[in-house]
Amino acid sequence: MPDDTPRIGPQSRVTLHLSLTLEDGTEVLSTFDAEPLSFTMGDGTLAPGLEEMLLDLPAGADTRLLAEGAAVFGAPDPELVHELPVTDLPADFTAEPGQVIAFATPGGQETPGTVLAVTDQHVRVDFNHPLARRGLHAHVQVRSVG
């Protein structure tokens, strides 16, 4: 008897619950306590690497996946690590390594930057995705595939 359960493919309309946690158990994203996420594969809702992990999962799947952040959010680009003058930060703000800070781009959008190091004069900031250098655990429950 053939299995005709729909599976996630390119351009599929998908409804699912998703959580991402770091290796230490810190939850960075979860829809399990809210409405499930509905999107079309390839529409930009999820990072391309995360979509690749979902390909071929059937409706009804409840699975846990391991991934490197670089595979999900892209390999870190050394060109996105910058030295900024401490004077570029608010006067009442004390930067510490590991902090993720929102920075305004010249186009008026916000982008996250992770503080790598701080000296009296400079702050070294990594503008790669904050999870690109982390190990991730994903929990996925596929509600429907259309």
C-alpha atoms as a PDB file:
ATOM      1  CA  MET A   1       0.000   0.000   0.000  1.00  0.00           C
ATOM      2  CA  PRO A   2       1.648   3.313  -1.077  1.00  0.00           C
ATOM      3  CA  ASP A   3       2.245   6.070   1.473  1.00  0.00           C
ATOM      4  CA  ASP A   4       0.506   9.157   0.121  1.00  0.00           C
ATOM      5  CA  THR A   5       1.312  11.367   3.132  1.00  0.00           C
ATOM      6  CA  PRO A   6       2.304  14.796   1.778  1.00  0.00           C
ATOM      7  CA  ARG A   7       5.968  15.681   2.285  1.00  0.00           C
ATOM      8  CA  ILE A   8       7.652  19.072   2.456  1.00  0.00           C
ATOM      9  CA  GLY A   9       9.165  20.085  -0.862  1.00  0.00           C
ATOM     10  CA  PRO A  10      10.134  23.301  -2.649  1.00  0.00           C
ATOM     11  CA  GLN A  11       7.168  25.722  -2.716  1.00  0.00           C
ATOM     12  CA  SER A  12       5.122  23.594  -0.262  1.00  0.00           C
ATOM     13  CA  ARG A  13       2.697  25.440   1.992  1.00  0.00           C
ATOM     14  CA  VAL A  14       3.685  24.300   5.496  1.00  0.00           C
ATOM     15  CA  THR A  15       2.195  24.717   8.962  1.00  0.00           C
ATOM     16  CA  LEU A  16       4.422  23.606  11.826  1.00  0.00           C
ATOM     17  CA  HIS A  17       5.616  24.192  15.338  1.00  0.00           C
ATOM     18  CA  LEU A  18       9.326  24.893  15.700  1.00  0.00           C
ATOM     19  CA  SER A  19      11.739  25.448  18.539  1.00  0.00           C
ATOM     20  CA  LEU A  20      15.459  26.148  18.411  1.00  0.00           C
ATOM     21  CA  THR A  21      17.620  25.702  21.483  1.00  0.00           C
ATOM     22  CA  LEU A  22      21.329  26.122  22.060  1.00  0.00           C
ATOM     23  CA  GLU A  23      23.496  23.243  23.229  1.00  0.00           C
ATOM     24  CA  ASP A  24      23.188  24.506  26.817  1.00  0.00           C
ATOM     25  CA  GLY A  25      19.366  24.285  26.620  1.00  0.00           C
ATOM     26  CA  THR A  26      18.710  28.012  26.157  1.00  0.00           C
ATOM     27  CA  GLU A  27      15.614  28.401  23.990  1.00  0.00           C
ATOM     28  CA  VAL A  28      16.094  31.025  21.271  1.00  0.00           C
ATOM     29  CA  LEU A  29      12.844  30.512  19.360  1.00  0.00           C
ATOM     30  CA  SER A  30       9.645  28.571  19.912  1.00  0.00           C
ATOM     31  CA  THR A  31       6.124  28.532  18.506  1.00  0.00           C
ATOM     32  CA  PHE A  32       4.962  25.676  20.758  1.00  0.00           C
ATOM     33  CA  ASP A  33       3.183  28.021  23.180  1.00  0.00           C
ATOM     34  CA  ALA A  34       1.629  30.076  20.367  1.00  0.00           C
ATOM     35  CA  GLU A  35       0.029  29.647  16.972  1.00  0.00           C
ATOM     36  CA  PRO A  36       1.937  27.345  14.617  1.00  0.00           C
ATOM     37  CA  LEU A  37       4.035  28.957  11.921  1.00  0.00           C
ATOM     38  CA  SER A  38       2.501  28.902   8.409  1.00  0.00           C
ATOM     39  CA  PHE A  39       4.631  29.753   5.382  1.00  0.00           C
ATOM     40  CA  THR A  40       5.534  28.724   1.862  1.00  0.00           C
ATOM     41  CA  MET A  41       8.922  27.099   1.402  1.00  0.00           C
ATOM     42  CA  GLY A  42      11.262  29.584  -0.254  1.00  0.00           C
ATOM     43  CA  ASP A  43       9.317  32.709   0.774  1.00  0.00           C
ATOM     44  CA  GLY A  44      12.052  33.901   3.149  1.00  0.00           C
ATOM     45  CA  THR A  45      10.195  33.161   6.387  1.00  0.00           C
ATOM     46  CA  LEU A  46      12.889  30.692   7.450  1.00  0.00           C
ATOM     47  CA  ALA A  47      16.621  30.756   6.809  1.00  0.00           C
ATOM     48  CA  PRO A  48      17.526  28.669   3.734  1.00  0.00           C
ATOM     49  CA  GLY A  49      19.541  26.209   5.812  1.00  0.00           C
ATOM     50  CA  LEU A  50      16.596  25.634   8.123  1.00  0.00           C
ATOM     51  CA  GLU A  51      14.317  25.027   5.137  1.00  0.00           C
ATOM     52  CA  GLU A  52      16.786  22.436   3.828  1.00  0.00           C
ATOM     53  CA  MET A  53      16.500  20.561   7.132  1.00  0.00           C
ATOM     54  CA  LEU A  54      12.720  20.392   6.664  1.00  0.00           C
ATOM     55  CA  LEU A  55      12.740  19.019   3.112  1.00  0.00           C
ATOM     56  CA  ASP A  56      11.012  15.645   2.768  1.00  0.00           C
ATOM     57  CA  LEU A  57       9.516  15.664   6.285  1.00  0.00           C
ATOM     58  CA  PRO A  58       5.959  14.280   6.111  1.00  0.00           C
ATOM     59  CA  ALA A  59       2.826  15.868   7.537  1.00  0.00           C
ATOM     60  CA  GLY A  60       2.501  14.604  11.106  1.00  0.00           C
ATOM     61  CA  ALA A  61       6.255  14.346  11.685  1.00  0.00           C
ATOM     62  CA  ASP A  62       7.483  15.136  15.193  1.00  0.00           C
ATOM     63  CA  THR A  63      11.258  15.150  15.067  1.00  0.00           C
ATOM     64  CA  ARG A  64      14.345  16.571  16.693  1.00  0.00           C
ATOM     65  CA  LEU A  65      17.299  17.617  14.569  1.00  0.00           C
ATOM     66  CA  LEU A  66      20.848  18.736  15.335  1.00  0.00           C
ATOM     67  CA  ALA A  67      22.476  21.448  13.274  1.00  0.00           C
ATOM     68  CA  GLU A  68      25.423  23.770  13.239  1.00  0.00           C
ATOM     69  CA  GLY A  69      24.359  27.404  13.161  1.00  0.00           C
ATOM     70  CA  ALA A  70      26.551  27.934  10.092  1.00  0.00           C
ATOM     71  CA  ALA A  71      24.522  25.323   8.186  1.00  0.00           C
ATOM     72  CA  VAL A  72      21.265  27.046   9.142  1.00  0.00           C
ATOM     73  CA  PHE A  73      22.202  30.731   8.966  1.00  0.00           C
ATOM     74  CA  GLY A  74      25.242  30.688   6.678  1.00  0.00           C
ATOM     75  CA  ALA A  75      28.949  30.344   7.329  1.00  0.00           C
ATOM     76  CA  PRO A  76      30.445  33.249   9.264  1.00  0.00           C
ATOM     77  CA  ASP A  77      32.076  35.824   6.992  1.00  0.00           C
ATOM     78  CA  PRO A  78      35.270  37.369   8.439  1.00  0.00           C
ATOM     79  CA  GLU A  79      34.453  40.571   6.521  1.00  0.00           C
ATOM     80  CA  LEU A  80      31.473  41.081   8.866  1.00  0.00           C
ATOM     81  CA  VAL A  81      33.678  41.467  11.959  1.00  0.00           C
ATOM     82  CA  HIS A  82      34.408  45.155  12.605  1.00  0.00           C
ATOM     83  CA  GLU A  83      36.307  47.319  15.061  1.00  0.00           C
ATOM     84  CA  LEU A  84      34.097  50.217  16.148  1.00  0.00           C
ATOM     85  CA  PRO A  85      35.116  53.207  18.257  1.00  0.00           C
ATOM     86  CA  VAL A  86      33.716  52.993  21.781  1.00  0.00           C
ATOM     87  CA  THR A  87      32.353  56.493  21.132  1.00  0.00           C
ATOM     88  CA  ASP A  88      29.892  54.973  18.605  1.00  0.00           C
ATOM     89  CA  LEU A  89      28.045  53.342  21.516  1.00  0.00           C
ATOM     90  CA  PRO A  90      25.682  55.212  23.847  1.00  0.00           C
ATOM     91  CA  ALA A  91      27.588  56.950  26.658  1.00  0.00           C
ATOM     92  CA  ASP A  92      25.645  55.101  29.373  1.00  0.00           C
ATOM     93  CA  PHE A  93      26.188  51.661  27.789  1.00  0.00           C
ATOM     94  CA  THR A  94      28.941  49.259  28.866  1.00  0.00           C
ATOM     95  CA  ALA A  95      29.640  46.647  26.207  1.00  0.00           C
ATOM     96  CA  GLU A  96      30.698  43.165  27.319  1.00  0.00           C
ATOM     97  CA  PRO A  97      31.858  40.196  25.227  1.00  0.00           C
ATOM     98  CA  GLY A  98      28.953  37.932  24.298  1.00  0.00           C
ATOM     99  CA  GLN A  99      26.308  40.664  24.263  1.00  0.00           C
ATOM    100  CA  VAL A 100      24.096  40.906  21.196  1.00  0.00           C
ATOM    101  CA  ILE A 101      23.293  44.524  20.380  1.00  0.00           C
ATOM    102  CA  ALA A 102      20.976  45.996  17.741  1.00  0.00           C
ATOM    103  CA  PHE A 103      22.749  48.432  15.418  1.00  0.00           C
ATOM    104  CA  ALA A 104      21.087  50.754  12.905  1.00  0.00           C
ATOM    105  CA  THR A 105      22.251  50.319   9.313  1.00  0.00           C
ATOM    106  CA  PRO A 106      22.707  53.301   6.982  1.00  0.00           C
ATOM    107  CA  GLY A 107      19.389  52.268   5.342  1.00  0.00           C
ATOM    108  CA  GLY A 108      17.553  52.641   8.667  1.00  0.00           C
ATOM    109  CA  GLN A 109      17.136  48.918   9.380  1.00  0.00           C
ATOM    110  CA  GLU A 110      18.377  47.134  12.484  1.00  0.00           C
ATOM    111  CA  THR A 111      20.970  44.379  12.437  1.00  0.00           C
ATOM    112  CA  PRO A 112      22.289  42.387  15.382  1.00  0.00           C
ATOM    113  CA  GLY A 113      25.963  42.472  16.294  1.00  0.00           C
ATOM    114  CA  THR A 114      27.714  40.251  18.828  1.00  0.00           C
ATOM    115  CA  VAL A 115      30.382  41.934  20.954  1.00  0.00           C
ATOM    116  CA  LEU A 116      33.586  39.900  20.721  1.00  0.00           C
ATOM    117  CA  ALA A 117      36.046  42.119  22.615  1.00  0.00           C
ATOM    118  CA  VAL A 118      36.208  45.514  24.288  1.00  0.00           C
ATOM    119  CA  THR A 119      39.186  47.825  24.838  1.00  0.00           C
ATOM    120  CA  ASP A 120      39.312  51.418  26.094  1.00  0.00           C
ATOM    121  CA  GLN A 121      39.122  52.684  22.516  1.00  0.00           C
ATOM    122  CA  HIS A 122      37.363  50.011  20.428  1.00  0.00           C
ATOM    123  CA  VAL A 123      34.636  47.388  20.440  1.00  0.00           C
ATOM    124  CA  ARG A 124      35.096  44.359  18.171  1.00  0.00           C
ATOM    125  CA  VAL A 125      31.663  43.382  16.800  1.00  0.00           C
ATOM    126  CA  ASP A 126      30.633  40.379  14.721  1.00  0.00           C
ATOM    127  CA  PHE A 127      27.728  41.194  12.392  1.00  0.00           C
ATOM    128  CA  ASN A 128      27.265  37.585  11.262  1.00  0.00           C
ATOM    129  CA  HIS A 129      24.017  35.994  12.436  1.00  0.00           C
ATOM    130  CA  PRO A 130      24.337  35.605  16.233  1.00  0.00           C
ATOM    131  CA  LEU A 131      23.634  31.864  15.986  1.00  0.00           C
ATOM    132  CA  ALA A 132      25.989  31.162  13.053  1.00  0.00           C
ATOM    133  CA  ARG A 133      28.768  29.963  15.381  1.00  0.00           C
ATOM    134  CA  ARG A 134      26.544  27.916  17.705  1.00  0.00           C
ATOM    135  CA  GLY A 135      25.326  24.336  17.800  1.00  0.00           C
ATOM    136  CA  LEU A 136      21.532  24.117  17.611  1.00  0.00           C
ATOM    137  CA  HIS A 137      18.829  21.634  18.506  1.00  0.00           C
ATOM    138  CA  ALA A 138      15.611  21.928  16.493  1.00  0.00           C
ATOM    139  CA  HIS A 139      12.279  20.385  17.466  1.00  0.00           C
ATOM    140  CA  VAL A 140       9.761  20.304  14.609  1.00  0.00           C
ATOM    141  CA  GLN A 141       6.130  19.183  14.574  1.00  0.00           C
ATOM    142  CA  VAL A 142       4.752  19.312  11.034  1.00  0.00           C
ATOM    143  CA  ARG A 143       1.014  20.043  11.263  1.00  0.00           C
ATOM    144  CA  SER A 144       0.219  20.150   7.548  1.00  0.00           C
ATOM    145  CA  VAL A 145       1.861  20.188   4.112  1.00  0.00           C
ATOM    146  CA  GLY A 146       0.043  21.461   1.050  1.00  0.00           C
END
